Amino acid sequence: MEFKQKRNVSPSEAVKILAKHGTVVSIDQAKLILDFMYEFGKLALDQQIRKVRPNY
C-alpha cells in the first residue's frame, strides 16, 4: 500500500522545536531527522495494519 507523503513539520520548524528543548541542530540535520521519523512512522503504521490484517 502506497501512502501519499504529507509532511506537516518543516526542517526550520524542527530546528526551533528541538532548540526549545535544548538540542541544537542544523537545517541539514533536521532534514535527516525528519526523513528518519517519517520513514519510521510508515513502518510503524504498516506493522499495525499487518497485525489487524495478517494477509495484507
Protein backbone atom coordinates (compact mmCIF):
# COMPACT_ATOMS: atom_id res chain seq x y z
CA MET A 1 0.00 0.00 0.00
CA GLU A 2 1.42 3.35 -1.00
CA PHE A 3 0.89 6.38 1.18
CA LYS A 4 0.90 9.92 -0.09
CA GLN A 5 3.58 11.60 1.93
CA LYS A 6 2.35 14.67 3.73
CA ARG A 7 4.91 16.49 5.80
CA ASN A 8 3.47 18.88 8.33
CA VAL A 9 6.76 19.82 10.00
CA SER A 10 9.34 21.76 8.03
CA PRO A 11 13.06 21.45 8.81
CA SER A 12 13.13 25.02 10.14
CA GLU A 13 10.22 24.23 12.48
CA ALA A 14 12.05 21.11 13.66
CA VAL A 15 15.16 23.19 14.42
CA LYS A 16 13.05 25.58 16.53
CA ILE A 17 11.24 22.76 18.37
CA LEU A 18 14.48 20.93 19.15
CA ALA A 19 16.22 24.17 20.24
CA LYS A 20 13.32 24.88 22.59
CA HIS A 21 14.13 21.57 24.30
CA GLY A 22 17.89 22.12 24.40
CA THR A 23 19.03 20.32 21.24
CA VAL A 24 20.85 22.40 18.65
CA VAL A 25 20.81 21.02 15.09
CA SER A 26 21.39 22.46 11.64
CA ILE A 27 18.77 22.56 8.90
CA ASP A 28 20.53 19.65 7.15
CA GLN A 29 20.47 17.60 10.35
CA ALA A 30 16.80 18.45 10.84
CA LYS A 31 16.05 17.19 7.32
CA LEU A 32 17.74 13.87 8.14
CA ILE A 33 15.89 13.60 11.45
CA LEU A 34 12.53 14.28 9.76
CA ASP A 35 13.28 11.79 6.97
CA PHE A 36 14.01 9.16 9.60
CA MET A 37 10.91 10.00 11.63
CA TYR A 38 8.58 9.87 8.64
CA GLU A 39 10.09 6.58 7.44
CA PHE A 40 9.81 5.13 10.95
CA GLY A 41 6.19 6.29 11.10
CA LYS A 42 5.39 4.49 7.84
CA LEU A 43 6.99 1.30 9.15
CA ALA A 44 5.07 1.51 12.44
CA LEU A 45 1.79 2.08 10.60
CA ASP A 46 2.47 -0.83 8.25
CA GLN A 47 3.23 -3.07 11.24
CA GLN A 48 -0.07 -2.15 12.90
CA ILE A 49 -2.00 -2.78 9.69
CA ARG A 50 -0.39 -6.21 9.39
CA LYS A 51 -1.47 -7.06 12.95
CA VAL A 52 -5.08 -6.24 12.10
CA ARG A 53 -5.00 -7.70 8.58
CA PRO A 54 -2.40 -10.52 8.59
CA ASN A 55 -2.78 -11.31 4.87
CA TYR A 56 -2.06 -7.72 3.86
